[in-house]
Amino acid sequence: MVKLRLKRCGRKQAVYRIVAIDGRSRREGKDLGKMGFYDPINSQTYLNIPAILYFLEKGAQPTGTLFDIFKRAGVFYKFRKKFN
């Protein structure tokens, strides 16, 4: 199963990449695709919406934190709108 999850980057200041990754691999494992980044300290988020929608169409499951980030950005609204 493919999961959309956060992959940590940076040593002192935590910055995360949003990636699609096999659910059985570890957090820093090889990813299938990069879809943006999330900086919790500066509250910055960049999302590649077409790539996220592509993986959601294929059945990828976002983690809890990413579900909240996507919800705030309106990704699921665009996902539902695409199928109606």
PDB file of N, CA and C in Angstrom:
ATOM      1  N   MET A   1       0.842  -1.175   0.000  1.00  0.00           N
ATOM      2  CA  MET A   1       0.000   0.000   0.000  1.00  0.00           C
ATOM      3  C   MET A   1       0.891   1.244   0.000  1.00  0.00           C
ATOM      4  N   VAL A   2       0.538   2.178  -0.816  1.00  0.00           N
ATOM      5  CA  VAL A   2       1.278   3.437  -0.897  1.00  0.00           C
ATOM      6  C   VAL A   2       0.703   4.411   0.126  1.00  0.00           C
ATOM      7  N   LYS A   3       1.587   5.091   0.832  1.00  0.00           N
ATOM      8  CA  LYS A   3       1.175   6.086   1.814  1.00  0.00           C
ATOM      9  C   LYS A   3       1.779   7.433   1.465  1.00  0.00           C
ATOM     10  N   LEU A   4       1.049   8.479   1.767  1.00  0.00           N
ATOM     11  CA  LEU A   4       1.575   9.837   1.676  1.00  0.00           C
ATOM     12  C   LEU A   4       1.998  10.209   3.087  1.00  0.00           C
ATOM     13  N   ARG A   5       3.270  10.501   3.264  1.00  0.00           N
ATOM     14  CA  ARG A   5       3.770  10.800   4.598  1.00  0.00           C
ATOM     15  C   ARG A   5       4.848  11.868   4.564  1.00  0.00           C
ATOM     16  N   LEU A   6       5.250  12.297   5.756  1.00  0.00           N
ATOM     17  CA  LEU A   6       6.292  13.310   5.901  1.00  0.00           C
ATOM     18  C   LEU A   6       7.641  12.628   6.034  1.00  0.00           C
ATOM     19  N   LYS A   7       8.628  13.171   5.342  1.00  0.00           N
ATOM     20  CA  LYS A   7       9.995  12.669   5.399  1.00  0.00           C
ATOM     21  C   LYS A   7      10.862  13.798   5.953  1.00  0.00           C
ATOM     22  N   ARG A   8      11.515  13.564   7.071  1.00  0.00           N
ATOM     23  CA  ARG A   8      12.258  14.618   7.749  1.00  0.00           C
ATOM     24  C   ARG A   8      13.533  14.985   7.001  1.00  0.00           C
ATOM     25  N   CYS A   9      13.790  16.286   6.916  1.00  0.00           N
ATOM     26  CA  CYS A   9      15.018  16.839   6.343  1.00  0.00           C
ATOM     27  C   CYS A   9      15.523  17.901   7.317  1.00  0.00           C
ATOM     28  N   GLY A  10      16.794  18.119   7.323  1.00  0.00           N
ATOM     29  CA  GLY A  10      17.369  19.123   8.215  1.00  0.00           C
ATOM     30  C   GLY A  10      17.759  18.518   9.544  1.00  0.00           C
ATOM     31  N   ARG A  11      18.883  18.967  10.096  1.00  0.00           N
ATOM     32  CA  ARG A  11      19.371  18.393  11.341  1.00  0.00           C
ATOM     33  C   ARG A  11      18.844  19.115  12.567  1.00  0.00           C
ATOM     34  N   LYS A  12      19.052  20.417  12.614  1.00  0.00           N
ATOM     35  CA  LYS A  12      18.643  21.162  13.802  1.00  0.00           C
ATOM     36  C   LYS A  12      17.188  21.607  13.713  1.00  0.00           C
ATOM     37  N   GLN A  13      16.831  22.206  12.606  1.00  0.00           N
ATOM     38  CA  GLN A  13      15.476  22.696  12.420  1.00  0.00           C
ATOM     39  C   GLN A  13      14.718  21.696  11.554  1.00  0.00           C
ATOM     40  N   ALA A  14      13.663  21.144  12.084  1.00  0.00           N
ATOM     41  CA  ALA A  14      12.919  20.113  11.374  1.00  0.00           C
ATOM     42  C   ALA A  14      12.127  20.725  10.218  1.00  0.00           C
ATOM     43  N   VAL A  15      12.384  20.243   9.021  1.00  0.00           N
ATOM     44  CA  VAL A  15      11.634  20.580   7.822  1.00  0.00           C
ATOM     45  C   VAL A  15      11.277  19.249   7.193  1.00  0.00           C
ATOM     46  N   TYR A  16      10.073  19.130   6.692  1.00  0.00           N
ATOM     47  CA  TYR A  16       9.605  17.855   6.176  1.00  0.00           C
ATOM     48  C   TYR A  16       9.263  17.949   4.700  1.00  0.00           C
ATOM     49  N   ARG A  17       9.567  16.895   3.952  1.00  0.00           N
ATOM     50  CA  ARG A  17       9.107  16.750   2.579  1.00  0.00           C
ATOM     51  C   ARG A  17       7.855  15.897   2.599  1.00  0.00           C
ATOM     52  N   ILE A  18       6.930  16.207   1.732  1.00  0.00           N
ATOM     53  CA  ILE A  18       5.735  15.388   1.587  1.00  0.00           C
ATOM     54  C   ILE A  18       6.008  14.432   0.435  1.00  0.00           C
ATOM     55  N   VAL A  19       5.992  13.123   0.725  1.00  0.00           N
ATOM     56  CA  VAL A  19       6.374  12.124  -0.266  1.00  0.00           C
ATOM     57  C   VAL A  19       5.357  10.989  -0.304  1.00  0.00           C
ATOM     58  N   ALA A  20       5.340  10.293  -1.426  1.00  0.00           N
ATOM     59  CA  ALA A  20       4.612   9.026  -1.552  1.00  0.00           C
ATOM     60  C   ALA A  20       5.640   7.931  -1.358  1.00  0.00           C
ATOM     61  N   ILE A  21       5.333   6.979  -0.487  1.00  0.00           N
ATOM     62  CA  ILE A  21       6.297   5.951  -0.128  1.00  0.00           C
ATOM     63  C   ILE A  21       5.545   4.652   0.153  1.00  0.00           C
ATOM     64  N   ASP A  22       6.219   3.543  -0.060  1.00  0.00           N
ATOM     65  CA  ASP A  22       5.630   2.249   0.265  1.00  0.00           C
ATOM     66  C   ASP A  22       5.394   2.185   1.768  1.00  0.00           C
ATOM     67  N   GLY A  23       4.243   1.720   2.185  1.00  0.00           N
ATOM     68  CA  GLY A  23       3.872   1.711   3.590  1.00  0.00           C
ATOM     69  C   GLY A  23       4.757   0.859   4.465  1.00  0.00           C
ATOM     70  N   ARG A  24       5.447  -0.112   3.896  1.00  0.00           N
ATOM     71  CA  ARG A  24       6.296  -1.004   4.689  1.00  0.00           C
ATOM     72  C   ARG A  24       7.700  -0.459   4.905  1.00  0.00           C
ATOM     73  N   SER A  25       8.102   0.567   4.153  1.00  0.00           N
ATOM     74  CA  SER A  25       9.461   1.096   4.285  1.00  0.00           C
ATOM     75  C   SER A  25       9.536   2.122   5.413  1.00  0.00           C
ATOM     76  N   ARG A  26      10.747   2.397   5.854  1.00  0.00           N
ATOM     77  CA  ARG A  26      10.937   3.324   6.962  1.00  0.00           C
ATOM     78  C   ARG A  26      10.766   4.770   6.518  1.00  0.00           C
ATOM     79  N   ARG A  27      10.793   5.687   7.484  1.00  0.00           N
ATOM     80  CA  ARG A  27      10.517   7.094   7.207  1.00  0.00           C
ATOM     81  C   ARG A  27      11.501   7.701   6.219  1.00  0.00           C
ATOM     82  N   GLU A  28      12.778   7.354   6.308  1.00  0.00           N
ATOM     83  CA  GLU A  28      13.777   7.899   5.405  1.00  0.00           C
ATOM     84  C   GLU A  28      14.039   6.985   4.216  1.00  0.00           C
ATOM     85  N   GLY A  29      13.146   6.060   3.944  1.00  0.00           N
ATOM     86  CA  GLY A  29      13.328   5.134   2.833  1.00  0.00           C
ATOM     87  C   GLY A  29      13.180   5.807   1.490  1.00  0.00           C
ATOM     88  N   LYS A  30      13.341   5.010   0.434  1.00  0.00           N
ATOM     89  CA  LYS A  30      13.240   5.547  -0.917  1.00  0.00           C
ATOM     90  C   LYS A  30      11.790   5.895  -1.230  1.00  0.00           C
ATOM     91  N   ASP A  31      11.590   7.104  -1.727  1.00  0.00           N
ATOM     92  CA  ASP A  31      10.226   7.544  -2.017  1.00  0.00           C
ATOM     93  C   ASP A  31       9.870   7.334  -3.480  1.00  0.00           C
ATOM     94  N   LEU A  32       8.568   7.290  -3.750  1.00  0.00           N
ATOM     95  CA  LEU A  32       8.070   7.126  -5.113  1.00  0.00           C
ATOM     96  C   LEU A  32       7.907   8.466  -5.826  1.00  0.00           C
ATOM     97  N   GLY A  33       7.706   9.515  -5.059  1.00  0.00           N
ATOM     98  CA  GLY A  33       7.549  10.849  -5.635  1.00  0.00           C
ATOM     99  C   GLY A  33       7.483  11.908  -4.561  1.00  0.00           C
ATOM    100  N   LYS A  34       7.973  13.098  -4.878  1.00  0.00           N
ATOM    101  CA  LYS A  34       7.933  14.222  -3.946  1.00  0.00           C
ATOM    102  C   LYS A  34       6.776  15.134  -4.337  1.00  0.00           C
ATOM    103  N   MET A  35       6.029  15.573  -3.329  1.00  0.00           N
ATOM    104  CA  MET A  35       4.840  16.376  -3.598  1.00  0.00           C
ATOM    105  C   MET A  35       4.800  17.690  -2.850  1.00  0.00           C
ATOM    106  N   GLY A  36       5.892  18.104  -2.257  1.00  0.00           N
ATOM    107  CA  GLY A  36       5.900  19.381  -1.567  1.00  0.00           C
ATOM    108  C   GLY A  36       6.731  19.331  -0.307  1.00  0.00           C
ATOM    109  N   PHE A  37       6.600  20.375   0.517  1.00  0.00           N
ATOM    110  CA  PHE A  37       7.305  20.412   1.794  1.00  0.00           C
ATOM    111  C   PHE A  37       6.445  21.103   2.833  1.00  0.00           C
ATOM    112  N   TYR A  38       6.811  20.880   4.092  1.00  0.00           N
ATOM    113  CA  TYR A  38       6.083  21.442   5.223  1.00  0.00           C
ATOM    114  C   TYR A  38       7.095  21.902   6.261  1.00  0.00           C
ATOM    115  N   ASP A  39       7.024  23.181   6.637  1.00  0.00           N
ATOM    116  CA  ASP A  39       7.889  23.758   7.663  1.00  0.00           C
ATOM    117  C   ASP A  39       7.007  24.164   8.845  1.00  0.00           C
ATOM    118  N   PRO A  40       6.959  23.361   9.915  1.00  0.00           N
ATOM    119  CA  PRO A  40       6.057  23.669  11.024  1.00  0.00           C
ATOM    120  C   PRO A  40       6.472  24.893  11.841  1.00  0.00           C
ATOM    121  N   ILE A  41       7.753  25.237  11.846  1.00  0.00           N
ATOM    122  CA  ILE A  41       8.215  26.360  12.656  1.00  0.00           C
ATOM    123  C   ILE A  41       7.797  27.686  12.025  1.00  0.00           C
ATOM    124  N   ASN A  42       7.981  27.832  10.717  1.00  0.00           N
ATOM    125  CA  ASN A  42       7.606  29.062  10.016  1.00  0.00           C
ATOM    126  C   ASN A  42       6.213  28.992   9.416  1.00  0.00           C
ATOM    127  N   SER A  43       5.500  27.899   9.623  1.00  0.00           N
ATOM    128  CA  SER A  43       4.143  27.679   9.103  1.00  0.00           C
ATOM    129  C   SER A  43       4.082  27.859   7.593  1.00  0.00           C
ATOM    130  N   GLN A  44       5.045  27.287   6.884  1.00  0.00           N
ATOM    131  CA  GLN A  44       5.060  27.345   5.433  1.00  0.00           C
ATOM    132  C   GLN A  44       4.742  25.965   4.877  1.00  0.00           C
ATOM    133  N   THR A  45       3.916  25.951   3.839  1.00  0.00           N
ATOM    134  CA  THR A  45       3.560  24.694   3.191  1.00  0.00           C
ATOM    135  C   THR A  45       3.523  24.921   1.695  1.00  0.00           C
ATOM    136  N   TYR A  46       4.129  24.022   0.949  1.00  0.00           N
ATOM    137  CA  TYR A  46       4.038  24.032  -0.502  1.00  0.00           C
ATOM    138  C   TYR A  46       3.499  22.671  -0.919  1.00  0.00           C
ATOM    139  N   LEU A  47       2.424  22.669  -1.693  1.00  0.00           N
ATOM    140  CA  LEU A  47       1.814  21.418  -2.148  1.00  0.00           C
ATOM    141  C   LEU A  47       1.743  21.388  -3.664  1.00  0.00           C
ATOM    142  N   ASN A  48       2.148  20.274  -4.239  1.00  0.00           N
ATOM    143  CA  ASN A  48       1.987  20.037  -5.672  1.00  0.00           C
ATOM    144  C   ASN A  48       0.661  19.292  -5.831  1.00  0.00           C
ATOM    145  N   ILE A  49      -0.426  20.053  -5.996  1.00  0.00           N
ATOM    146  CA  ILE A  49      -1.782  19.499  -5.983  1.00  0.00           C
ATOM    147  C   ILE A  49      -1.997  18.432  -7.056  1.00  0.00           C
ATOM    148  N   PRO A  50      -1.567  18.630  -8.319  1.00  0.00           N
ATOM    149  CA  PRO A  50      -1.792  17.564  -9.316  1.00  0.00           C
ATOM    150  C   PRO A  50      -1.126  16.242  -8.949  1.00  0.00           C
ATOM    151  N   ALA A  51       0.068  16.282  -8.384  1.00  0.00           N
ATOM    152  CA  ALA A  51       0.752  15.052  -7.980  1.00  0.00           C
ATOM    153  C   ALA A  51       0.028  14.387  -6.815  1.00  0.00           C
ATOM    154  N   ILE A  52      -0.458  15.180  -5.871  1.00  0.00           N
ATOM    155  CA  ILE A  52      -1.191  14.632  -4.728  1.00  0.00           C
ATOM    156  C   ILE A  52      -2.482  13.979  -5.207  1.00  0.00           C
ATOM    157  N   LEU A  53      -3.207  14.647  -6.094  1.00  0.00           N
ATOM    158  CA  LEU A  53      -4.449  14.084  -6.619  1.00  0.00           C
ATOM    159  C   LEU A  53      -4.194  12.801  -7.393  1.00  0.00           C
ATOM    160  N   TYR A  54      -3.087  12.730  -8.117  1.00  0.00           N
ATOM    161  CA  TYR A  54      -2.742  11.525  -8.864  1.00  0.00           C
ATOM    162  C   TYR A  54      -2.585  10.330  -7.916  1.00  0.00           C
ATOM    163  N   PHE A  55      -1.832  10.518  -6.824  1.00  0.00           N
ATOM    164  CA  PHE A  55      -1.620   9.408  -5.895  1.00  0.00           C
ATOM    165  C   PHE A  55      -2.882   9.073  -5.110  1.00  0.00           C
ATOM    166  N   LEU A  56      -3.716  10.070  -4.799  1.00  0.00           N
ATOM    167  CA  LEU A  56      -4.979   9.785  -4.123  1.00  0.00           C
ATOM    168  C   LEU A  56      -5.910   8.979  -5.028  1.00  0.00           C
ATOM    169  N   GLU A  57      -5.901   9.278  -6.324  1.00  0.00           N
ATOM    170  CA  GLU A  57      -6.709   8.503  -7.277  1.00  0.00           C
ATOM    171  C   GLU A  57      -6.267   7.050  -7.332  1.00  0.00           C
ATOM    172  N   LYS A  58      -4.975   6.819  -7.178  1.00  0.00           N
ATOM    173  CA  LYS A  58      -4.430   5.458  -7.241  1.00  0.00           C
ATOM    174  C   LYS A  58      -4.630   4.694  -5.926  1.00  0.00           C
ATOM    175  N   GLY A  59      -5.173   5.355  -4.894  1.00  0.00           N
ATOM    176  CA  GLY A  59      -5.468   4.668  -3.641  1.00  0.00           C
ATOM    177  C   GLY A  59      -4.495   4.913  -2.518  1.00  0.00           C
ATOM    178  N   ALA A  60      -3.621   5.895  -2.644  1.00  0.00           N
ATOM    179  CA  ALA A  60      -2.667   6.201  -1.577  1.00  0.00           C
ATOM    180  C   ALA A  60      -3.406   6.761  -0.364  1.00  0.00           C
ATOM    181  N   GLN A  61      -2.928   6.417   0.825  1.00  0.00           N
ATOM    182  CA  GLN A  61      -3.539   6.863   2.072  1.00  0.00           C
ATOM    183  C   GLN A  61      -2.634   7.870   2.771  1.00  0.00           C
ATOM    184  N   PRO A  62      -3.131   9.090   3.065  1.00  0.00           N
ATOM    185  CA  PRO A  62      -2.309  10.054   3.797  1.00  0.00           C
ATOM    186  C   PRO A  62      -2.275   9.722   5.283  1.00  0.00           C
ATOM    187  N   THR A  63      -1.183  10.088   5.952  1.00  0.00           N
ATOM    188  CA  THR A  63      -1.102   9.920   7.399  1.00  0.00           C
ATOM    189  C   THR A  63      -1.986  10.966   8.066  1.00  0.00           C
ATOM    190  N   GLY A  64      -2.126  10.872   9.369  1.00  0.00           N
ATOM    191  CA  GLY A  64      -2.996  11.787  10.098  1.00  0.00           C
ATOM    192  C   GLY A  64      -2.605  13.243   9.963  1.00  0.00           C
ATOM    193  N   THR A  65      -1.324  13.530  10.089  1.00  0.00           N
ATOM    194  CA  THR A  65      -0.843  14.911   9.978  1.00  0.00           C
ATOM    195  C   THR A  65      -1.075  15.450   8.578  1.00  0.00           C
ATOM    196  N   LEU A  66      -0.782  14.644   7.565  1.00  0.00           N
ATOM    197  CA  LEU A  66      -0.994  15.097   6.193  1.00  0.00           C
ATOM    198  C   LEU A  66      -2.473  15.248   5.879  1.00  0.00           C
ATOM    199  N   PHE A  67      -3.310  14.415   6.480  1.00  0.00           N
ATOM    200  CA  PHE A  67      -4.748  14.564   6.281  1.00  0.00           C
ATOM    201  C   PHE A  67      -5.197  15.945   6.736  1.00  0.00           C
ATOM    202  N   ASP A  68      -4.693  16.402   7.893  1.00  0.00           N
ATOM    203  CA  ASP A  68      -5.039  17.729   8.397  1.00  0.00           C
ATOM    204  C   ASP A  68      -4.500  18.838   7.500  1.00  0.00           C
ATOM    205  N   ILE A  69      -3.278  18.680   7.011  1.00  0.00           N
ATOM    206  CA  ILE A  69      -2.677  19.679   6.119  1.00  0.00           C
ATOM    207  C   ILE A  69      -3.474  19.765   4.817  1.00  0.00           C
ATOM    208  N   PHE A  70      -3.819  18.615   4.246  1.00  0.00           N
ATOM    209  CA  PHE A  70      -4.599  18.588   3.003  1.00  0.00           C
ATOM    210  C   PHE A  70      -5.989  19.178   3.214  1.00  0.00           C
ATOM    211  N   LYS A  71      -6.568  18.911   4.361  1.00  0.00           N
ATOM    212  CA  LYS A  71      -7.909  19.424   4.666  1.00  0.00           C
ATOM    213  C   LYS A  71      -7.895  20.950   4.711  1.00  0.00           C
ATOM    214  N   ARG A  72      -6.864  21.525   5.369  1.00  0.00           N
ATOM    215  CA  ARG A  72      -6.739  22.981   5.436  1.00  0.00           C
ATOM    216  C   ARG A  72      -6.520  23.592   4.063  1.00  0.00           C
ATOM    217  N   ALA A  73      -5.806  22.882   3.187  1.00  0.00           N
ATOM    218  CA  ALA A  73      -5.501  23.406   1.854  1.00  0.00           C
ATOM    219  C   ALA A  73      -6.638  23.172   0.861  1.00  0.00           C
ATOM    220  N   GLY A  74      -7.633  22.384   1.228  1.00  0.00           N
ATOM    221  CA  GLY A  74      -8.759  22.133   0.336  1.00  0.00           C
ATOM    222  C   GLY A  74      -8.482  21.082  -0.723  1.00  0.00           C
ATOM    223  N   VAL A  75      -7.550  20.186  -0.476  1.00  0.00           N
ATOM    224  CA  VAL A  75      -7.208  19.150  -1.459  1.00  0.00           C
ATOM    225  C   VAL A  75      -8.367  18.181  -1.645  1.00  0.00           C
ATOM    226  N   PHE A  76      -9.042  17.818  -0.551  1.00  0.00           N
ATOM    227  CA  PHE A  76     -10.118  16.833  -0.651  1.00  0.00           C
ATOM    228  C   PHE A  76     -11.335  17.415  -1.369  1.00  0.00           C
ATOM    229  N   TYR A  77     -11.530  18.729  -1.276  1.00  0.00           N
ATOM    230  CA  TYR A  77     -12.597  19.375  -2.034  1.00  0.00           C
ATOM    231  C   TYR A  77     -12.323  19.239  -3.527  1.00  0.00           C
ATOM    232  N   LYS A  78     -11.071  19.462  -3.932  1.00  0.00           N
ATOM    233  CA  LYS A  78     -10.701  19.329  -5.344  1.00  0.00           C
ATOM    234  C   LYS A  78     -10.767  17.871  -5.782  1.00  0.00           C
ATOM    235  N   PHE A  79     -10.457  16.947  -4.855  1.00  0.00           N
ATOM    236  CA  PHE A  79     -10.498  15.518  -5.151  1.00  0.00           C
ATOM    237  C   PHE A  79     -11.941  15.073  -5.408  1.00  0.00           C
ATOM    238  N   ARG A  80     -12.879  15.523  -4.565  1.00  0.00           N
ATOM    239  CA  ARG A  80     -14.290  15.179  -4.754  1.00  0.00           C
ATOM    240  C   ARG A  80     -14.847  15.834  -6.022  1.00  0.00           C
ATOM    241  N   LYS A  81     -14.439  17.074  -6.260  1.00  0.00           N
ATOM    242  CA  LYS A  81     -14.941  17.819  -7.412  1.00  0.00           C
ATOM    243  C   LYS A  81     -14.504  17.162  -8.715  1.00  0.00           C
ATOM    244  N   LYS A  82     -13.336  16.543  -8.716  1.00  0.00           N
ATOM    245  CA  LYS A  82     -12.819  15.900  -9.908  1.00  0.00           C
ATOM    246  C   LYS A  82     -13.663  14.693 -10.322  1.00  0.00           C
ATOM    247  N   PHE A  83     -14.280  14.017  -9.344  1.00  0.00           N
ATOM    248  CA  PHE A  83     -15.057  12.823  -9.638  1.00  0.00           C
ATOM    249  C   PHE A  83     -16.540  13.092  -9.806  1.00  0.00           C
ATOM    250  N   ASN A  84     -16.996  14.291  -9.546  1.00  0.00           N
ATOM    251  CA  ASN A  84     -18.434  14.610  -9.713  1.00  0.00           C
ATOM    252  C   ASN A  84     -18.694  15.299 -11.024  1.00  0.00           C
TER     253      ASN A  84
END
